[in-house]
C-alpha atoms as a PDB file:
ATOM      1  CA  UNK A   1     -14.540 -25.390  41.844  1.00  0.00           C
ATOM      2  CA  UNK A   2     -10.899 -25.445  42.927  1.00  0.00           C
ATOM      3  CA  UNK A   3      -8.509 -27.825  43.457  1.00  0.00           C
ATOM      4  CA  UNK A   4      -6.877 -29.063  46.789  1.00  0.00           C
ATOM      5  CA  UNK A   5      -3.915 -27.088  48.327  1.00  0.00           C
ATOM      6  CA  UNK A   6      -1.950 -30.538  47.730  1.00  0.00           C
ATOM      7  CA  UNK A   7      -3.431 -30.873  44.082  1.00  0.00           C
ATOM      8  CA  UNK A   8      -2.289 -26.802  43.386  1.00  0.00           C
ATOM      9  CA  UNK A   9       1.132 -27.402  44.565  1.00  0.00           C
ATOM     10  CA  UNK A  10       1.083 -30.534  42.578  1.00  0.00           C
ATOM     11  CA  UNK A  11       0.133 -28.797  39.387  1.00  0.00           C
ATOM     12  CA  UNK A  12       2.527 -25.783  39.939  1.00  0.00           C
ATOM     13  CA  UNK A  13       5.674 -28.254  40.155  1.00  0.00           C
ATOM     14  CA  UNK A  14       4.373 -30.667  36.908  1.00  0.00           C
ATOM     15  CA  UNK A  15       4.134 -27.066  35.025  1.00  0.00           C
ATOM     16  CA  UNK A  16       7.539 -25.968  36.091  1.00  0.00           C
ATOM     17  CA  UNK A  17       9.237 -29.260  35.085  1.00  0.00           C
ATOM     18  CA  UNK A  18       7.471 -28.503  31.576  1.00  0.00           C
ATOM     19  CA  UNK A  19       8.618 -24.688  31.425  1.00  0.00           C
ATOM     20  CA  UNK A  20      11.399 -24.115  34.305  1.00  0.00           C
ATOM     21  CA  UNK A  21      11.553 -20.566  35.165  1.00  0.00           C
ATOM     22  CA  UNK A  22      11.586 -17.532  38.034  1.00  0.00           C
ATOM     23  CA  UNK A  23       7.458 -17.666  37.266  1.00  0.00           C
ATOM     24  CA  UNK A  24       6.870 -20.582  39.850  1.00  0.00           C
ATOM     25  CA  UNK A  25       8.657 -19.018  42.834  1.00  0.00           C
ATOM     26  CA  UNK A  26       6.637 -15.855  41.600  1.00  0.00           C
ATOM     27  CA  UNK A  27       3.498 -17.730  42.066  1.00  0.00           C
ATOM     28  CA  UNK A  28       4.570 -18.943  45.376  1.00  0.00           C
ATOM     29  CA  UNK A  29       5.555 -15.609  46.764  1.00  0.00           C
ATOM     30  CA  UNK A  30       2.258 -14.415  45.248  1.00  0.00           C
ATOM     31  CA  UNK A  31       0.136 -17.310  47.615  1.00  0.00           C
ATOM     32  CA  UNK A  32       1.976 -16.037  50.501  1.00  0.00           C
ATOM     33  CA  UNK A  33       1.107 -12.521  50.506  1.00  0.00           C
ATOM     34  CA  UNK A  34      -2.544 -13.249  48.984  1.00  0.00           C
ATOM     35  CA  UNK A  35      -2.763 -15.868  51.788  1.00  0.00           C
ATOM     36  CA  UNK A  36      -1.738 -13.282  54.797  1.00  0.00           C
ATOM     37  CA  UNK A  37      -3.817 -10.667  53.281  1.00  0.00           C
ATOM     38  CA  UNK A  38      -7.035 -13.080  53.381  1.00  0.00           C
ATOM     39  CA  UNK A  39      -5.773 -14.074  56.867  1.00  0.00           C
ATOM     40  CA  UNK A  40      -6.753 -10.650  57.632  1.00  0.00           C
ATOM     41  CA  UNK A  41     -10.048  -9.885  55.970  1.00  0.00           C
ATOM     42  CA  UNK A  42     -13.271 -11.445  57.270  1.00  0.00           C
ATOM     43  CA  UNK A  43     -15.073 -12.226  54.220  1.00  0.00           C
ATOM     44  CA  UNK A  44     -12.052 -14.115  52.484  1.00  0.00           C
ATOM     45  CA  UNK A  45     -10.773 -17.621  52.634  1.00  0.00           C
ATOM     46  CA  UNK A  46      -6.848 -17.761  53.187  1.00  0.00           C
ATOM     47  CA  UNK A  47      -6.662 -21.489  51.499  1.00  0.00           C
ATOM     48  CA  UNK A  48      -8.719 -20.817  48.728  1.00  0.00           C
ATOM     49  CA  UNK A  49      -6.747 -17.144  48.385  1.00  0.00           C
ATOM     50  CA  UNK A  50      -3.346 -19.406  48.731  1.00  0.00           C
ATOM     51  CA  UNK A  51      -4.742 -21.816  45.902  1.00  0.00           C
ATOM     52  CA  UNK A  52      -5.612 -19.034  43.402  1.00  0.00           C
ATOM     53  CA  UNK A  53      -2.289 -17.458  43.950  1.00  0.00           C
ATOM     54  CA  UNK A  54      -0.488 -20.126  43.597  1.00  0.00           C
ATOM     55  CA  UNK A  55      -1.978 -20.894  40.301  1.00  0.00           C
ATOM     56  CA  UNK A  56      -2.859 -17.597  38.440  1.00  0.00           C
ATOM     57  CA  UNK A  57       0.296 -17.913  36.021  1.00  0.00           C
ATOM     58  CA  UNK A  58      -0.344 -21.825  35.507  1.00  0.00           C
ATOM     59  CA  UNK A  59      -0.332 -20.702  31.953  1.00  0.00           C
ATOM     60  CA  UNK A  60       3.217 -20.537  31.794  1.00  0.00           C
ATOM     61  CA  UNK A  61       3.277 -24.367  31.636  1.00  0.00           C
ATOM     62  CA  UNK A  62       2.973 -24.395  28.033  1.00  0.00           C
ATOM     63  CA  UNK A  63       5.912 -22.629  26.979  1.00  0.00           C
ATOM     64  CA  UNK A  64       7.215 -19.239  27.172  1.00  0.00           C
ATOM     65  CA  UNK A  65       4.223 -16.512  25.781  1.00  0.00           C
ATOM     66  CA  UNK A  66       3.247 -13.055  27.139  1.00  0.00           C
ATOM     67  CA  UNK A  67      -0.373 -13.051  26.390  1.00  0.00           C
ATOM     68  CA  UNK A  68      -0.836 -16.214  25.607  1.00  0.00           C
ATOM     69  CA  UNK A  69      -0.107 -17.506  29.076  1.00  0.00           C
ATOM     70  CA  UNK A  70      -3.380 -15.991  30.435  1.00  0.00           C
ATOM     71  CA  UNK A  71      -5.038 -17.828  27.765  1.00  0.00           C
ATOM     72  CA  UNK A  72      -3.657 -21.195  27.851  1.00  0.00           C
ATOM     73  CA  UNK A  73      -3.843 -20.788  31.806  1.00  0.00           C
ATOM     74  CA  UNK A  74      -7.583 -20.116  31.432  1.00  0.00           C
ATOM     75  CA  UNK A  75      -8.282 -22.845  29.043  1.00  0.00           C
ATOM     76  CA  UNK A  76      -6.246 -25.373  30.853  1.00  0.00           C
ATOM     77  CA  UNK A  77      -8.196 -24.606  34.432  1.00  0.00           C
ATOM     78  CA  UNK A  78     -11.217 -24.672  32.432  1.00  0.00           C
ATOM     79  CA  UNK A  79     -10.584 -28.219  31.207  1.00  0.00           C
ATOM     80  CA  UNK A  80      -9.937 -29.405  34.455  1.00  0.00           C
ATOM     81  CA  UNK A  81     -12.868 -28.118  36.091  1.00  0.00           C
ATOM     82  CA  UNK A  82     -11.371 -25.516  37.838  1.00  0.00           C
ATOM     83  CA  UNK A  83     -13.544 -22.370  37.054  1.00  0.00           C
ATOM     84  CA  UNK A  84     -12.341 -20.267  40.070  1.00  0.00           C
ATOM     85  CA  UNK A  85      -8.766 -20.775  39.058  1.00  0.00           C
ATOM     86  CA  UNK A  86      -9.466 -20.199  35.138  1.00  0.00           C
ATOM     87  CA  UNK A  87     -11.083 -16.667  36.369  1.00  0.00           C
ATOM     88  CA  UNK A  88      -7.682 -15.354  38.160  1.00  0.00           C
ATOM     89  CA  UNK A  89      -5.771 -16.875  35.119  1.00  0.00           C
ATOM     90  CA  UNK A  90      -7.900 -14.229  33.161  1.00  0.00           C
ATOM     91  CA  UNK A  91      -8.378 -11.631  35.208  1.00  0.00           C
ATOM     92  CA  UNK A  92      -4.982 -11.247  37.019  1.00  0.00           C
ATOM     93  CA  UNK A  93      -3.389  -8.912  34.146  1.00  0.00           C
ATOM     94  CA  UNK A  94      -6.181  -6.856  33.492  1.00  0.00           C
ATOM     95  CA  UNK A  95      -7.384  -4.546  36.328  1.00  0.00           C
ATOM     96  CA  UNK A  96      -9.778  -2.838  34.253  1.00  0.00           C
ATOM     97  CA  UNK A  97     -10.862  -5.356  32.130  1.00  0.00           C
ATOM     98  CA  UNK A  98      -8.797  -3.629  29.045  1.00  0.00           C
ATOM     99  CA  UNK A  99      -6.860  -6.257  26.768  1.00  0.00           C
ATOM    100  CA  UNK A 100      -5.216  -3.238  25.742  1.00  0.00           C
ATOM    101  CA  UNK A 101      -3.607  -2.571  28.935  1.00  0.00           C
ATOM    102  CA  UNK A 102      -1.633  -6.140  28.819  1.00  0.00           C
ATOM    103  CA  UNK A 103       2.468  -5.759  29.232  1.00  0.00           C
ATOM    104  CA  UNK A 104       4.126  -7.948  26.326  1.00  0.00           C
ATOM    105  CA  UNK A 105       3.708  -9.048  23.595  1.00  0.00           C
ATOM    106  CA  UNK A 106       0.191 -10.269  22.158  1.00  0.00           C
ATOM    107  CA  UNK A 107       1.061 -13.745  20.842  1.00  0.00           C
ATOM    108  CA  UNK A 108      -2.168 -14.998  20.570  1.00  0.00           C
ATOM    109  CA  UNK A 109      -4.396 -15.884  18.031  1.00  0.00           C
ATOM    110  CA  UNK A 110      -7.773 -14.084  16.869  1.00  0.00           C
ATOM    111  CA  UNK A 111      -9.911 -16.668  18.529  1.00  0.00           C
ATOM    112  CA  UNK A 112      -7.659 -16.511  21.233  1.00  0.00           C
ATOM    113  CA  UNK A 113      -7.417 -12.964  21.986  1.00  0.00           C
ATOM    114  CA  UNK A 114     -11.729 -13.050  21.279  1.00  0.00           C
ATOM    115  CA  UNK A 115     -12.048 -15.716  23.619  1.00  0.00           C
ATOM    116  CA  UNK A 116     -10.167 -13.504  26.442  1.00  0.00           C
ATOM    117  CA  UNK A 117     -12.177 -10.229  25.182  1.00  0.00           C
ATOM    118  CA  UNK A 118     -15.347 -11.942  25.914  1.00  0.00           C
ATOM    119  CA  UNK A 119     -14.577 -13.309  28.907  1.00  0.00           C
ATOM    120  CA  UNK A 120     -13.240 -10.422  30.164  1.00  0.00           C
ATOM    121  CA  UNK A 121     -16.171  -8.608  29.288  1.00  0.00           C
ATOM    122  CA  UNK A 122     -18.607 -11.055  31.147  1.00  0.00           C
ATOM    123  CA  UNK A 123     -16.870 -10.846  34.231  1.00  0.00           C
ATOM    124  CA  UNK A 124     -17.431  -9.174  37.581  1.00  0.00           C
ATOM    125  CA  UNK A 125     -14.425  -8.328  39.567  1.00  0.00           C
ATOM    126  CA  UNK A 126     -14.586  -9.264  42.918  1.00  0.00           C
ATOM    127  CA  UNK A 127     -12.428  -9.755  46.056  1.00  0.00           C
ATOM    128  CA  UNK A 128     -10.317 -12.193  44.994  1.00  0.00           C
ATOM    129  CA  UNK A 129      -9.871 -11.372  41.309  1.00  0.00           C
ATOM    130  CA  UNK A 130      -8.701  -7.794  43.098  1.00  0.00           C
ATOM    131  CA  UNK A 131      -6.576  -9.394  45.835  1.00  0.00           C
ATOM    132  CA  UNK A 132      -4.676 -11.867  43.080  1.00  0.00           C
ATOM    133  CA  UNK A 133      -3.975  -8.442  40.958  1.00  0.00           C
ATOM    134  CA  UNK A 134      -2.833  -6.809  44.209  1.00  0.00           C
ATOM    135  CA  UNK A 135       0.133 -10.036  45.366  1.00  0.00           C
ATOM    136  CA  UNK A 136       0.707 -10.318  41.346  1.00  0.00           C
ATOM    137  CA  UNK A 137       2.154  -6.826  41.888  1.00  0.00           C
ATOM    138  CA  UNK A 138       4.307  -7.671  45.311  1.00  0.00           C
ATOM    139  CA  UNK A 139       5.676 -10.798  44.167  1.00  0.00           C
ATOM    140  CA  UNK A 140       9.013 -10.924  42.942  1.00  0.00           C
ATOM    141  CA  UNK A 141      10.372 -14.814  42.299  1.00  0.00           C
ATOM    142  CA  UNK A 142      13.051 -14.693  45.573  1.00  0.00           C
ATOM    143  CA  UNK A 143      10.393 -12.372  47.733  1.00  0.00           C
ATOM    144  CA  UNK A 144       8.071  -9.310  48.355  1.00  0.00           C
ATOM    145  CA  UNK A 145       8.721  -6.513  46.887  1.00  0.00           C
ATOM    146  CA  UNK A 146       7.965  -2.595  46.888  1.00  0.00           C
ATOM    147  CA  UNK A 147       5.010  -2.625  44.385  1.00  0.00           C
ATOM    148  CA  UNK A 148       5.994   0.650  42.674  1.00  0.00           C
ATOM    149  CA  UNK A 149       9.653  -0.563  42.436  1.00  0.00           C
ATOM    150  CA  UNK A 150       8.187  -3.702  40.750  1.00  0.00           C
ATOM    151  CA  UNK A 151       5.814  -1.761  39.008  1.00  0.00           C
ATOM    152  CA  UNK A 152       9.348   0.587  37.608  1.00  0.00           C
ATOM    153  CA  UNK A 153      11.085  -2.430  36.950  1.00  0.00           C
ATOM    154  CA  UNK A 154       8.404  -3.808  34.584  1.00  0.00           C
ATOM    155  CA  UNK A 155       8.076  -0.324  32.841  1.00  0.00           C
ATOM    156  CA  UNK A 156      12.035  -0.738  32.197  1.00  0.00           C
ATOM    157  CA  UNK A 157      11.919  -3.582  30.824  1.00  0.00           C
ATOM    158  CA  UNK A 158       8.905  -3.513  28.046  1.00  0.00           C
ATOM    159  CA  UNK A 159       9.022   0.176  28.097  1.00  0.00           C
ATOM    160  CA  UNK A 160       5.583   1.222  29.489  1.00  0.00           C
ATOM    161  CA  UNK A 161       3.392   0.779  31.886  1.00  0.00           C
ATOM    162  CA  UNK A 162      -0.291   1.932  31.562  1.00  0.00           C
ATOM    163  CA  UNK A 163      -1.186   4.611  33.765  1.00  0.00           C
ATOM    164  CA  UNK A 164      -4.058   3.461  34.546  1.00  0.00           C
ATOM    165  CA  UNK A 165      -3.058   0.079  35.637  1.00  0.00           C
ATOM    166  CA  UNK A 166      -0.360   1.694  37.734  1.00  0.00           C
ATOM    167  CA  UNK A 167      -2.976   3.499  39.584  1.00  0.00           C
ATOM    168  CA  UNK A 168      -4.893   0.519  40.013  1.00  0.00           C
ATOM    169  CA  UNK A 169      -2.279  -1.224  41.809  1.00  0.00           C
ATOM    170  CA  UNK A 170      -1.853   1.335  44.240  1.00  0.00           C
ATOM    171  CA  UNK A 171      -6.040   1.796  44.721  1.00  0.00           C
ATOM    172  CA  UNK A 172      -5.480  -1.784  45.700  1.00  0.00           C
ATOM    173  CA  UNK A 173      -2.837  -1.340  48.310  1.00  0.00           C
ATOM    174  CA  UNK A 174      -4.916   1.304  49.833  1.00  0.00           C
ATOM    175  CA  UNK A 175      -7.874  -0.707  49.518  1.00  0.00           C
ATOM    176  CA  UNK A 176      -6.567  -4.101  51.456  1.00  0.00           C
ATOM    177  CA  UNK A 177      -4.640  -1.678  53.994  1.00  0.00           C
ATOM    178  CA  UNK A 178      -8.012   0.068  54.744  1.00  0.00           C
ATOM    179  CA  UNK A 179     -10.306  -3.793  54.663  1.00  0.00           C
ATOM    180  CA  UNK A 180      -6.981  -5.333  56.584  1.00  0.00           C
ATOM    181  CA  UNK A 181      -6.085  -2.020  58.881  1.00  0.00           C
ATOM    182  CA  UNK A 182      -2.744  -3.010  58.592  1.00  0.00           C
ATOM    183  CA  UNK A 183       0.186  -1.766  56.477  1.00  0.00           C
ATOM    184  CA  UNK A 184       0.312  -3.751  53.604  1.00  0.00           C
ATOM    185  CA  UNK A 185       4.086  -4.528  53.631  1.00  0.00           C
ATOM    186  CA  UNK A 186       4.001  -6.022  57.151  1.00  0.00           C
ATOM    187  CA  UNK A 187       1.473  -7.900  56.983  1.00  0.00           C
ATOM    188  CA  UNK A 188       2.716  -9.875  53.712  1.00  0.00           C
ATOM    189  CA  UNK A 189       6.458  -9.840  55.855  1.00  0.00           C
ATOM    190  CA  UNK A 190       7.683  -8.054  53.337  1.00  0.00           C
ATOM    191  CA  UNK A 191      11.328  -7.884  54.715  1.00  0.00           C
ATOM    192  CA  UNK A 192      11.499 -11.109  56.300  1.00  0.00           C
ATOM    193  CA  UNK A 193       9.847 -13.701  54.024  1.00  0.00           C
ATOM    194  CA  UNK A 194      11.755 -15.066  51.378  1.00  0.00           C
ATOM    195  CA  UNK A 195      11.750 -18.568  48.812  1.00  0.00           C
END
């Protein structure tokens, strides 16, 4: 089940009021990219893609946490009955379903870690998971970024970026370019879209 577009926008505004920061606009850029790419794919729903992109980081509502935002978002969306959103809260950071690839602090309890591990093992990634992973890697807080520059920035801030995740992002970009028959940067209006 999904919230409506209006409900999703309300959830994001409410979350930003609890924990203001650039993550809100990053989520809006992710949603923009997801909607644009999905609109060029015959098997994806653009409105659903927008909603999933908008709420992928909703766990940030609960404060400044690293891996904890994944756990918080997943649990929060499950509690509201939004299983499809809960799924992307979980999968957006794990291209290879490997918790060891998380970039940032592992600031979760053992119980939260075990829950994430169990749910990741059980999920079979679909096109919406892959789309939000790609769009998360394209989205800055002010607009669309070059994917390699964004990954390099993350690497400089955290001191590492797993090669498997780097490669997976580039493979996702190629996948969706082949699927849409378009350059991703052109499709998501990299040069003109801004928040």
